[in-house]
Amino acid sequence: NDSANQHNLPVKHDSNSLGEKVHGHSHADSKSMPMSMSQACKTERLRAWLKQLDLEEYFDTFVENGFDDLETVKLMTMNELERVNIHKLGHRMRILNAVKMLSKESQ
């Protein structure tokens, strides 16, 4: 048994749990689990985008940190990339340059 529970201490929950706001985006909105088809398509577009950048290894990192589609990715900054543990400067620069292109395309 968990010693925190034995002493009636509050149990710490994952800060990215369903329903909490991550980077100002609520992931509970009125979506039910499993993911809706439209959200699954958006997530697959994110995977394809990262694959195009040859950075698909960061897909899980993005999704786990609330960047689960290209719209939320457009909000990424250098600080966000560092915060989610993308340590290689070249990778961060490649992502940010591609984010700028995404933003231009949607204007």
C-alpha atoms as a PDB file:
ATOM      1  CA  ASN A   1       0.000   0.000   0.000  1.00  0.00           C
ATOM      2  CA  ASP A   2       1.030   3.577  -0.634  1.00  0.00           C
ATOM      3  CA  SER A   3       2.390   5.230   2.525  1.00  0.00           C
ATOM      4  CA  ALA A   4       0.670   8.511   1.574  1.00  0.00           C
ATOM      5  CA  ASN A   5      -2.688   6.776   1.736  1.00  0.00           C
ATOM      6  CA  GLN A   6      -1.870   5.143   5.077  1.00  0.00           C
ATOM      7  CA  HIS A   7      -1.448   8.596   6.615  1.00  0.00           C
ATOM      8  CA  ASN A   8      -4.504  10.083   4.887  1.00  0.00           C
ATOM      9  CA  LEU A   9      -2.342  12.454   2.877  1.00  0.00           C
ATOM     10  CA  PRO A  10      -3.658  13.812  -0.407  1.00  0.00           C
ATOM     11  CA  VAL A  11      -2.653  11.743  -3.382  1.00  0.00           C
ATOM     12  CA  LYS A  12      -0.823  13.681  -6.059  1.00  0.00           C
ATOM     13  CA  HIS A  13      -2.405  13.298  -9.484  1.00  0.00           C
ATOM     14  CA  ASP A  14      -0.840  13.814 -12.875  1.00  0.00           C
ATOM     15  CA  SER A  15      -1.048  17.508 -13.775  1.00  0.00           C
ATOM     16  CA  ASN A  16      -2.074  16.600 -17.324  1.00  0.00           C
ATOM     17  CA  SER A  17      -5.025  14.447 -16.315  1.00  0.00           C
ATOM     18  CA  LEU A  18      -8.167  14.581 -18.408  1.00  0.00           C
ATOM     19  CA  GLY A  19     -10.240  17.661 -17.798  1.00  0.00           C
ATOM     20  CA  GLU A  20      -7.497  19.938 -16.574  1.00  0.00           C
ATOM     21  CA  LYS A  21      -6.360  22.865 -18.626  1.00  0.00           C
ATOM     22  CA  VAL A  22      -2.959  22.416 -20.180  1.00  0.00           C
ATOM     23  CA  HIS A  23      -1.553  25.593 -21.708  1.00  0.00           C
ATOM     24  CA  GLY A  24      -5.035  27.126 -21.542  1.00  0.00           C
ATOM     25  CA  HIS A  25      -6.667  24.285 -23.471  1.00  0.00           C
ATOM     26  CA  SER A  26      -9.193  22.052 -21.781  1.00  0.00           C
ATOM     27  CA  HIS A  27      -8.909  18.474 -22.910  1.00  0.00           C
ATOM     28  CA  ALA A  28     -12.237  17.426 -21.450  1.00  0.00           C
ATOM     29  CA  ASP A  29     -14.284  19.949 -23.408  1.00  0.00           C
ATOM     30  CA  SER A  30     -17.245  17.774 -24.307  1.00  0.00           C
ATOM     31  CA  LYS A  31     -15.107  15.054 -25.738  1.00  0.00           C
ATOM     32  CA  SER A  32     -15.522  11.563 -24.481  1.00  0.00           C
ATOM     33  CA  MET A  33     -12.878   8.898 -24.386  1.00  0.00           C
ATOM     34  CA  PRO A  34     -11.871   7.308 -26.613  1.00  0.00           C
ATOM     35  CA  MET A  35     -10.820  10.189 -28.810  1.00  0.00           C
ATOM     36  CA  SER A  36     -13.362  11.370 -31.364  1.00  0.00           C
ATOM     37  CA  MET A  37     -12.665  10.636 -35.016  1.00  0.00           C
ATOM     38  CA  SER A  38     -12.023  14.305 -35.795  1.00  0.00           C
ATOM     39  CA  GLN A  39      -9.555  14.580 -32.905  1.00  0.00           C
ATOM     40  CA  ALA A  40      -7.902  11.335 -34.011  1.00  0.00           C
ATOM     41  CA  CYS A  41      -7.485  12.833 -37.501  1.00  0.00           C
ATOM     42  CA  LYS A  42      -5.981  16.018 -36.033  1.00  0.00           C
ATOM     43  CA  THR A  43      -3.594  13.950 -33.926  1.00  0.00           C
ATOM     44  CA  GLU A  44      -2.560  11.910 -36.964  1.00  0.00           C
ATOM     45  CA  ARG A  45      -1.897  15.156 -38.865  1.00  0.00           C
ATOM     46  CA  LEU A  46       0.416  16.151 -36.011  1.00  0.00           C
ATOM     47  CA  ARG A  47       2.205  12.796 -36.312  1.00  0.00           C
ATOM     48  CA  ALA A  48       2.569  13.265 -40.101  1.00  0.00           C
ATOM     49  CA  TRP A  49       3.868  16.827 -39.596  1.00  0.00           C
ATOM     50  CA  LEU A  50       6.508  15.646 -37.120  1.00  0.00           C
ATOM     51  CA  LYS A  51       7.427  12.780 -39.458  1.00  0.00           C
ATOM     52  CA  GLN A  52       7.881  15.285 -42.296  1.00  0.00           C
ATOM     53  CA  LEU A  53      10.292  17.184 -40.031  1.00  0.00           C
ATOM     54  CA  ASP A  54      12.040  13.877 -39.232  1.00  0.00           C
ATOM     55  CA  LEU A  55      11.157  14.470 -35.569  1.00  0.00           C
ATOM     56  CA  GLU A  56       8.440  11.855 -35.044  1.00  0.00           C
ATOM     57  CA  GLU A  57      10.181  10.735 -31.846  1.00  0.00           C
ATOM     58  CA  TYR A  58       8.603  13.770 -30.131  1.00  0.00           C
ATOM     59  CA  PHE A  59       5.014  12.793 -30.958  1.00  0.00           C
ATOM     60  CA  ASP A  60       4.260  11.269 -27.530  1.00  0.00           C
ATOM     61  CA  THR A  61       5.980  14.179 -25.782  1.00  0.00           C
ATOM     62  CA  PHE A  62       3.791  16.677 -27.647  1.00  0.00           C
ATOM     63  CA  VAL A  63       0.555  14.816 -26.934  1.00  0.00           C
ATOM     64  CA  GLU A  64       1.395  14.155 -23.256  1.00  0.00           C
ATOM     65  CA  ASN A  65       1.983  17.894 -22.795  1.00  0.00           C
ATOM     66  CA  GLY A  66      -1.260  19.057 -24.398  1.00  0.00           C
ATOM     67  CA  PHE A  67       0.042  19.806 -27.886  1.00  0.00           C
ATOM     68  CA  ASP A  68      -2.149  17.225 -29.572  1.00  0.00           C
ATOM     69  CA  ASP A  69      -2.968  18.935 -32.860  1.00  0.00           C
ATOM     70  CA  LEU A  70      -1.462  21.484 -35.224  1.00  0.00           C
ATOM     71  CA  GLU A  71      -3.594  24.319 -33.804  1.00  0.00           C
ATOM     72  CA  THR A  72      -2.088  23.935 -30.334  1.00  0.00           C
ATOM     73  CA  VAL A  73       1.379  23.391 -31.819  1.00  0.00           C
ATOM     74  CA  LYS A  74       1.130  26.880 -33.357  1.00  0.00           C
ATOM     75  CA  LEU A  75       1.233  28.224 -29.784  1.00  0.00           C
ATOM     76  CA  MET A  76       4.618  26.665 -29.004  1.00  0.00           C
ATOM     77  CA  THR A  77       7.544  28.832 -27.984  1.00  0.00           C
ATOM     78  CA  MET A  78      11.213  28.098 -27.347  1.00  0.00           C
ATOM     79  CA  ASN A  79      10.430  28.045 -23.616  1.00  0.00           C
ATOM     80  CA  GLU A  80       7.627  25.505 -24.139  1.00  0.00           C
ATOM     81  CA  LEU A  81       9.931  23.252 -26.139  1.00  0.00           C
ATOM     82  CA  GLU A  82      12.538  23.404 -23.377  1.00  0.00           C
ATOM     83  CA  ARG A  83       9.868  22.776 -20.728  1.00  0.00           C
ATOM     84  CA  VAL A  84       8.708  19.588 -22.461  1.00  0.00           C
ATOM     85  CA  ASN A  85      12.328  18.370 -22.536  1.00  0.00           C
ATOM     86  CA  ILE A  86      13.247  18.871 -26.157  1.00  0.00           C
ATOM     87  CA  HIS A  87      16.866  19.585 -25.376  1.00  0.00           C
ATOM     88  CA  LYS A  88      18.525  19.632 -28.795  1.00  0.00           C
ATOM     89  CA  LEU A  89      18.703  23.209 -30.039  1.00  0.00           C
ATOM     90  CA  GLY A  90      18.624  22.105 -33.679  1.00  0.00           C
ATOM     91  CA  HIS A  91      15.391  20.185 -33.087  1.00  0.00           C
ATOM     92  CA  ARG A  92      13.804  23.128 -31.276  1.00  0.00           C
ATOM     93  CA  MET A  93      14.789  25.481 -34.110  1.00  0.00           C
ATOM     94  CA  ARG A  94      13.442  23.090 -36.749  1.00  0.00           C
ATOM     95  CA  ILE A  95      10.131  22.837 -34.890  1.00  0.00           C
ATOM     96  CA  LEU A  96       9.829  26.609 -34.385  1.00  0.00           C
ATOM     97  CA  ASN A  97      10.609  27.325 -38.051  1.00  0.00           C
ATOM     98  CA  ALA A  98       7.940  24.819 -39.088  1.00  0.00           C
ATOM     99  CA  VAL A  99       5.494  26.391 -36.589  1.00  0.00           C
ATOM    100  CA  LYS A 100       6.071  29.775 -38.272  1.00  0.00           C
ATOM    101  CA  MET A 101       5.265  28.182 -41.629  1.00  0.00           C
ATOM    102  CA  LEU A 102       2.073  26.666 -40.193  1.00  0.00           C
ATOM    103  CA  SER A 103       0.989  30.061 -38.904  1.00  0.00           C
ATOM    104  CA  LYS A 104       1.654  31.696 -42.280  1.00  0.00           C
ATOM    105  CA  GLU A 105      -0.306  28.996 -44.113  1.00  0.00           C
ATOM    106  CA  SER A 106      -3.374  29.541 -41.946  1.00  0.00           C
ATOM    107  CA  GLN A 107      -3.517  33.313 -42.541  1.00  0.00           C
END
